Structures are given as structure tokens and as C-alpha cells.
Amino acid sequence: MEKPLKDIERSIIKTYRKNIWVKFIRAINEFEMVEEGDKIAVAISGGKDSLTLAKLFQELQRHGKMNFEVEFIAMDPGFKRENRKLLEYNCNYLNIPVKIHDSDVFEVANRVAGDSPCYMCARMRRGNLYAKAQELGCNKLALGHHFNDVIETIMLNILFAGNFKTMMPKLHSDNFKGLELIRPMYYVEEEAIIRFMRSTGLKALDCACTIAEKREGNMRFYVKDLIREIKDFHNNADINILRSAENINMGAIVGWKNRNEKHSFLENYNQEDIDNI
């Protein structure tokens, strides 16, 4: 049964204070994500993560100390009719004044990317949301990526791409001048979001993709299961994966990149020998 809206909103800062609200505020403060006078576009896919993020921003406006504007935006990339209706129903029930616009991302990604549409779809969706945020005069775009997305990305890059790269808490857009992407749920664990959404009584969208549902072998699910197995042996493994991106020892790596510029430890190797004499 669906919980009354006032109880849902109260639970964010009461029942889920420790596991969601405090971690949300921590990321915003630690990474300086929200500033006075910001106009932030909060992207809503209809899934549990983005719906939670939307309610967190509403509570931040209600209880926070800074003045900022929020636009809630959602792109319909080619949803099935029932998924579009579910998105609209959930936003209406949660009192999220979302602006939904149509696109053909699913169709184009399927046509262009062939058997590997997910990466192309993600890039196209991101670009579409940037464009909409810019159109609405926003200077920031907030996405619902959470703690588990971050550590899974690190592991995916290590195991399948041969590099060390994570999701950044925030970054400037290369293609949309003046726009910054922020990830305010950087420290919020997925399990807490699942529990919160289950408590509302609402059914959130899953991926809702009309293309990926036809394919098997998603590597992110493999990595998610792998991290879960490792945690059975070492409970802080997930936290340590995140910390690894904060504690890189530049004197103990063979090479690194600064955008497209590649560097080797040999550049300063002889100089370091001199310094250590």
C-alpha cells in the first residue's frame, strides 16, 4: 500500500536520516556541489535512484540554508506506454513537478551501436539532458548515481578496460559551456535507496530499456555480484574500493594520463634518485 506523501517526506530526514540524508548532505558539503544562486536540473529517469534524489533536493530546499532553484527534468527515450504512465504517476504522487520531453534515444542507439547499445545510449541520454538543462537556464545537472555505481565503475574499468578511472563527484561539461554535472548521492548505498523506495509502496521503473531487455551478459551485474562475494571475506572491501580513488600514491604507479596526455614514471625517475641521495 502506498504511504502518504507527508510520511514519505518525513522518513527521509527521520527514518533514513543516517543512511541517506546525512550521506547526501556530506557529499554536497564535501564536494561543494550546491552553491548560493544555483539553478539545478535534477534528472529523473523514473528509477528508484532518481526519484530518491528528487525528494532529497526538495527536502534540501525546505531545510537547507542556501537559496537555489531546481528544475526536475525527465526524458522519454522511447518508453513503452505503460512505463511512461508509471513515470508520470510516481512523479505526480510524490509531488515532483517534472518536465518530460520526448526523444528517440532508444531507437537511434539500437540502430547505431548494434549489439552494444548501452554505452551509446548512456552518452546520448547524458547529452540530451545537458541540452535540456541548458535550455532551462540551469548551471548544474544532478544525476542519481550512488555509492555502488561509483565502486562498480572503478572495478569495471580495472577488469575490462585496463585503466583506473572512477565516477567523479562533479565535473565540468566539455560540450555544454557553463554546465557542471554533480552526483549528490555519491556516498549513499544502493541498499538504503531500495529500502526507502520499498517503504513508499510505489513501484519505480527498472532500466525500462526496450533494447537491453533483449540482451544478456551485462558486465555491471557481474561486477556487482563479484563485490558482494568479496565483501563476504572482507566487509570493508567496498569502502576500500572507493578510498583507492582518493589515496593514489603517484610514486608507486607506472603511468598515468592527464586527459589525452600520457606520462610515465621514467620522466622523473633519475631526478628522484638524486633527491633521495
Protein backbone atom coordinates (compact mmCIF):
# COMPACT_ATOMS: atom_id res chain seq x y z
CA MET A 1 0.00 0.00 0.00
CA GLU A 2 1.26 3.49 -0.86
CA LYS A 3 2.43 5.56 2.09
CA PRO A 4 1.01 9.10 2.47
CA LEU A 5 3.27 11.73 0.90
CA LYS A 6 3.85 13.59 4.18
CA ASP A 7 5.10 10.36 5.78
CA ILE A 8 7.41 9.65 2.84
CA GLU A 9 8.95 13.10 3.10
CA ARG A 10 9.29 12.88 6.87
CA SER A 11 11.02 9.49 6.62
CA ILE A 12 13.84 10.95 4.51
CA ILE A 13 15.11 13.08 7.37
CA LYS A 14 13.93 10.78 10.18
CA THR A 15 13.93 7.03 9.40
CA TYR A 16 16.58 7.30 6.67
CA ARG A 17 18.50 10.19 8.20
CA LYS A 18 21.69 8.21 8.90
CA ASN A 19 21.83 6.10 5.74
CA ILE A 20 20.52 8.56 3.13
CA TRP A 21 20.05 12.16 4.29
CA VAL A 22 23.35 12.56 6.19
CA LYS A 23 25.35 10.96 3.37
CA PHE A 24 23.61 13.17 0.82
CA ILE A 25 24.48 16.28 2.81
CA ARG A 26 28.04 15.03 3.35
CA ALA A 27 28.68 14.76 -0.39
CA ILE A 28 27.13 18.15 -1.10
CA ASN A 29 29.27 19.84 1.55
CA GLU A 30 32.48 17.89 0.98
CA PHE A 31 32.50 18.40 -2.79
CA GLU A 32 30.83 21.85 -2.78
CA MET A 33 28.06 20.72 -5.10
CA VAL A 34 25.36 23.27 -4.29
CA GLU A 35 26.04 27.00 -4.05
CA GLU A 36 24.01 30.10 -3.46
CA GLY A 37 22.10 31.13 -6.59
CA ASP A 38 22.46 27.80 -8.41
CA LYS A 39 19.78 26.61 -10.79
CA ILE A 40 19.98 22.83 -10.76
CA ALA A 41 18.37 20.44 -13.20
CA VAL A 42 17.61 17.16 -11.41
CA ALA A 43 17.40 14.38 -13.97
CA ILE A 44 14.63 11.85 -13.38
CA SER A 45 14.69 8.53 -15.21
CA GLY A 46 11.80 7.14 -13.20
CA GLY A 47 14.00 4.66 -11.33
CA LYS A 48 14.46 4.37 -7.57
CA ASP A 49 17.69 6.42 -7.57
CA SER A 50 16.44 9.48 -9.42
CA LEU A 51 13.11 9.58 -7.55
CA THR A 52 15.02 9.47 -4.26
CA LEU A 53 17.34 12.23 -5.47
CA ALA A 54 14.37 14.40 -6.41
CA LYS A 55 12.86 14.11 -2.93
CA LEU A 56 16.25 14.81 -1.34
CA PHE A 57 16.53 18.06 -3.28
CA GLN A 58 13.04 19.09 -2.24
CA GLU A 59 13.98 18.49 1.40
CA LEU A 60 17.24 20.40 0.92
CA GLN A 61 15.30 23.38 -0.40
CA ARG A 62 12.93 23.12 2.55
CA HIS A 63 15.52 22.70 5.29
CA GLY A 64 18.78 23.99 3.76
CA LYS A 65 20.48 27.32 4.36
CA MET A 66 21.16 28.24 0.72
CA ASN A 67 18.85 29.73 -1.86
CA PHE A 68 18.84 27.83 -5.15
CA GLU A 69 16.37 26.82 -7.84
CA VAL A 70 15.54 23.34 -9.03
CA GLU A 71 14.10 22.08 -12.32
CA PHE A 72 13.02 18.45 -12.44
CA ILE A 73 13.53 17.09 -15.94
CA ALA A 74 12.82 13.69 -17.47
CA MET A 75 13.49 12.42 -20.95
CA ASP A 76 11.27 9.82 -22.56
CA PRO A 77 13.84 7.99 -24.73
CA GLY A 78 11.18 5.76 -26.25
CA PHE A 79 9.48 4.16 -23.26
CA LYS A 80 6.72 1.64 -23.64
CA ARG A 81 3.38 3.29 -22.93
CA GLU A 82 3.00 1.63 -19.52
CA ASN A 83 6.45 2.82 -18.42
CA ARG A 84 5.70 6.41 -19.43
CA LYS A 85 2.47 6.25 -17.42
CA LEU A 86 4.31 4.83 -14.40
CA LEU A 87 6.87 7.64 -14.55
CA GLU A 88 4.08 10.24 -14.67
CA TYR A 89 2.11 8.57 -11.86
CA ASN A 90 5.08 8.32 -9.48
CA CYS A 91 6.15 11.92 -10.03
CA ASN A 92 2.59 13.13 -9.53
CA TYR A 93 2.16 11.07 -6.34
CA LEU A 94 5.49 12.28 -4.93
CA ASN A 95 4.65 15.90 -5.83
CA ILE A 96 7.63 16.21 -8.17
CA PRO A 97 6.78 18.84 -10.82
CA VAL A 98 8.67 17.10 -13.60
CA LYS A 99 9.03 18.39 -17.14
CA ILE A 100 9.03 15.42 -19.53
CA HIS A 101 10.32 15.74 -23.08
CA ASP A 102 10.41 13.13 -25.84
CA SER A 103 13.39 11.78 -27.74
CA ASP A 104 14.32 8.82 -29.94
CA VAL A 105 17.43 7.76 -27.99
CA PHE A 106 16.47 4.07 -27.73
CA GLU A 107 15.83 3.80 -31.45
CA VAL A 108 18.99 5.63 -32.50
CA ALA A 109 21.23 3.79 -30.02
CA ASN A 110 19.93 0.46 -31.25
CA ARG A 111 20.49 1.41 -34.89
CA VAL A 112 23.95 2.93 -34.43
CA ALA A 113 25.51 0.71 -31.76
CA GLY A 114 24.31 -2.72 -32.91
CA ASP A 115 24.98 -5.36 -30.25
CA SER A 116 26.42 -2.91 -27.70
CA PRO A 117 23.85 -0.13 -27.33
CA CYS A 118 24.17 0.61 -23.59
CA TYR A 119 27.30 2.82 -23.76
CA MET A 120 25.93 4.75 -26.74
CA CYS A 121 22.52 5.10 -25.07
CA ALA A 122 24.10 6.47 -21.86
CA ARG A 123 26.11 9.06 -23.79
CA MET A 124 23.11 10.14 -25.84
CA ARG A 125 20.88 10.40 -22.80
CA ARG A 126 23.51 12.47 -20.97
CA GLY A 127 23.87 14.84 -23.92
CA ASN A 128 20.11 15.19 -24.22
CA LEU A 129 19.77 16.05 -20.52
CA TYR A 130 22.63 18.56 -20.72
CA ALA A 131 20.89 20.26 -23.64
CA LYS A 132 17.57 20.43 -21.78
CA ALA A 133 19.25 21.76 -18.63
CA GLN A 134 20.98 24.45 -20.67
CA GLU A 135 17.71 25.33 -22.41
CA LEU A 136 16.11 25.88 -18.99
CA GLY A 137 18.95 28.16 -17.88
CA CYS A 138 20.46 25.73 -15.38
CA ASN A 139 24.14 25.78 -14.43
CA LYS A 140 24.20 22.26 -12.93
CA LEU A 141 22.80 18.85 -13.81
CA ALA A 142 22.29 16.42 -10.91
CA LEU A 143 22.30 12.67 -11.61
CA GLY A 144 21.24 9.84 -9.32
CA HIS A 145 24.43 7.78 -9.31
CA HIS A 146 25.13 6.31 -5.88
CA PHE A 147 27.99 4.72 -3.90
CA ASN A 148 27.63 1.33 -5.57
CA ASP A 149 27.64 2.85 -9.06
CA VAL A 150 30.94 4.53 -8.19
CA ILE A 151 32.77 1.47 -6.91
CA GLU A 152 31.37 -0.76 -9.66
CA THR A 153 32.68 1.71 -12.24
CA ILE A 154 36.16 1.52 -10.70
CA MET A 155 36.13 -2.28 -10.90
CA LEU A 156 34.68 -2.33 -14.42
CA ASN A 157 37.48 -0.08 -15.64
CA ILE A 158 40.19 -2.14 -13.95
CA LEU A 159 38.89 -5.52 -15.10
CA PHE A 160 37.52 -4.77 -18.55
CA ALA A 161 39.15 -1.53 -19.75
CA GLY A 162 42.65 -1.84 -18.26
CA ASN A 163 42.62 1.58 -16.63
CA PHE A 164 41.92 3.16 -13.25
CA LYS A 165 39.05 5.59 -13.51
CA THR A 166 36.06 6.39 -11.35
CA MET A 167 32.84 8.40 -11.50
CA MET A 168 33.77 11.87 -10.33
CA PRO A 169 31.57 13.58 -7.70
CA LYS A 170 31.32 16.54 -10.05
CA LEU A 171 32.81 17.65 -13.35
CA HIS A 172 32.55 20.39 -15.93
CA SER A 173 30.89 19.56 -19.23
CA ASP A 174 33.23 19.63 -22.21
CA ASN A 175 30.45 20.21 -24.73
CA PHE A 176 28.00 22.42 -22.84
CA LYS A 177 29.77 25.55 -21.65
CA GLY A 178 28.85 26.72 -18.17
CA LEU A 179 27.24 23.43 -17.16
CA GLU A 180 28.50 21.23 -14.35
CA LEU A 181 27.47 17.66 -13.58
CA ILE A 182 27.02 16.71 -9.91
CA ARG A 183 26.37 13.36 -8.18
CA PRO A 184 24.96 14.20 -4.72
CA MET A 185 24.27 10.56 -3.74
CA TYR A 186 27.97 9.71 -4.07
CA TYR A 187 28.08 8.24 -0.54
CA VAL A 188 24.56 6.78 -0.41
CA GLU A 189 24.49 2.98 -0.66
CA GLU A 190 22.02 1.36 -3.04
CA GLU A 191 20.59 -0.90 -0.35
CA ALA A 192 19.33 2.13 1.60
CA ILE A 193 17.70 3.55 -1.52
CA ILE A 194 15.97 0.21 -2.17
CA ARG A 195 14.63 0.16 1.40
CA PHE A 196 13.41 3.75 1.15
CA MET A 197 11.63 3.19 -2.16
CA ARG A 198 10.08 -0.06 -0.89
CA SER A 199 8.75 1.83 2.14
CA THR A 200 6.86 4.27 -0.11
CA GLY A 201 4.74 1.49 -1.57
CA LEU A 202 5.46 2.80 -5.07
CA LYS A 203 6.87 0.76 -7.93
CA ALA A 204 9.79 2.53 -9.59
CA LEU A 205 10.95 1.85 -13.13
CA ASP A 206 13.86 -0.50 -13.68
CA CYS A 207 16.03 0.16 -16.72
CA ALA A 208 12.84 0.32 -18.85
CA CYS A 209 15.01 -0.02 -21.94
CA THR A 210 13.29 -1.63 -24.93
CA ILE A 211 16.67 -2.72 -26.32
CA ALA A 212 18.80 -4.05 -23.46
CA GLU A 213 15.93 -6.24 -22.28
CA LYS A 214 16.63 -8.41 -25.33
CA ARG A 215 20.28 -8.97 -24.42
CA GLU A 216 22.16 -10.91 -21.76
CA GLY A 217 25.54 -10.66 -20.08
CA ASN A 218 25.57 -7.19 -18.54
CA MET A 219 29.06 -6.82 -17.01
CA ARG A 220 27.86 -4.38 -14.35
CA PHE A 221 25.71 -7.12 -12.81
CA TYR A 222 28.73 -9.43 -12.88
CA VAL A 223 30.86 -6.85 -11.03
CA LYS A 224 28.06 -6.15 -8.56
CA ASP A 225 27.96 -9.86 -7.67
CA LEU A 226 31.76 -10.02 -7.52
CA ILE A 227 31.96 -7.16 -5.00
CA ARG A 228 29.24 -8.83 -2.95
CA GLU A 229 31.26 -12.05 -2.84
CA ILE A 230 34.45 -10.22 -1.84
CA LYS A 231 32.57 -8.50 1.00
CA ASP A 232 31.81 -11.94 2.43
CA PHE A 233 35.55 -12.22 3.14
CA HIS A 234 36.28 -8.57 3.91
CA ASN A 235 33.37 -6.40 4.99
CA ASN A 236 35.08 -3.08 4.19
CA ALA A 237 36.05 -4.10 0.64
CA ASP A 238 33.51 -1.76 -0.96
CA ILE A 239 34.64 1.21 1.13
CA ASN A 240 38.27 0.44 0.30
CA ILE A 241 37.49 0.39 -3.42
CA LEU A 242 36.14 3.94 -3.07
CA ARG A 243 39.10 5.03 -0.94
CA SER A 244 41.51 3.69 -3.56
CA ALA A 245 40.44 6.57 -5.81
CA GLU A 246 41.27 9.04 -3.03
CA ASN A 247 44.63 7.56 -1.97
CA ILE A 248 46.58 7.06 -5.18
CA ASN A 249 50.32 7.03 -4.48
CA MET A 250 51.80 8.80 -7.51
CA GLY A 251 55.25 7.42 -6.62
CA ALA A 252 54.04 3.85 -6.95
CA ILE A 253 52.36 3.79 -10.36
CA VAL A 254 53.92 3.05 -13.73
CA GLY A 255 51.99 5.56 -15.79
CA TRP A 256 49.09 7.99 -15.79
CA LYS A 257 47.06 10.19 -18.11
CA ASN A 258 46.06 13.84 -17.94
CA ARG A 259 43.20 13.88 -20.43
CA ASN A 260 44.91 12.63 -23.61
CA GLU A 261 48.46 13.31 -22.44
CA LYS A 262 50.23 10.15 -21.28
CA HIS A 263 53.02 10.16 -18.69
CA SER A 264 55.49 7.57 -17.39
CA PHE A 265 57.22 7.18 -14.03
CA LEU A 266 60.50 7.30 -16.02
CA GLU A 267 60.04 11.05 -16.61
CA ASN A 268 61.17 11.82 -13.06
CA TYR A 269 62.91 8.54 -12.23
CA ASN A 270 66.52 9.76 -12.33
CA GLN A 271 65.65 13.02 -10.62
CA GLU A 272 64.05 11.09 -7.77
CA ASP A 273 67.26 9.08 -7.36
CA ILE A 274 69.18 12.33 -6.98
CA ASP A 275 66.65 13.66 -4.47
CA ASN A 276 66.98 10.51 -2.38
CA ILE A 277 70.80 10.68 -2.08
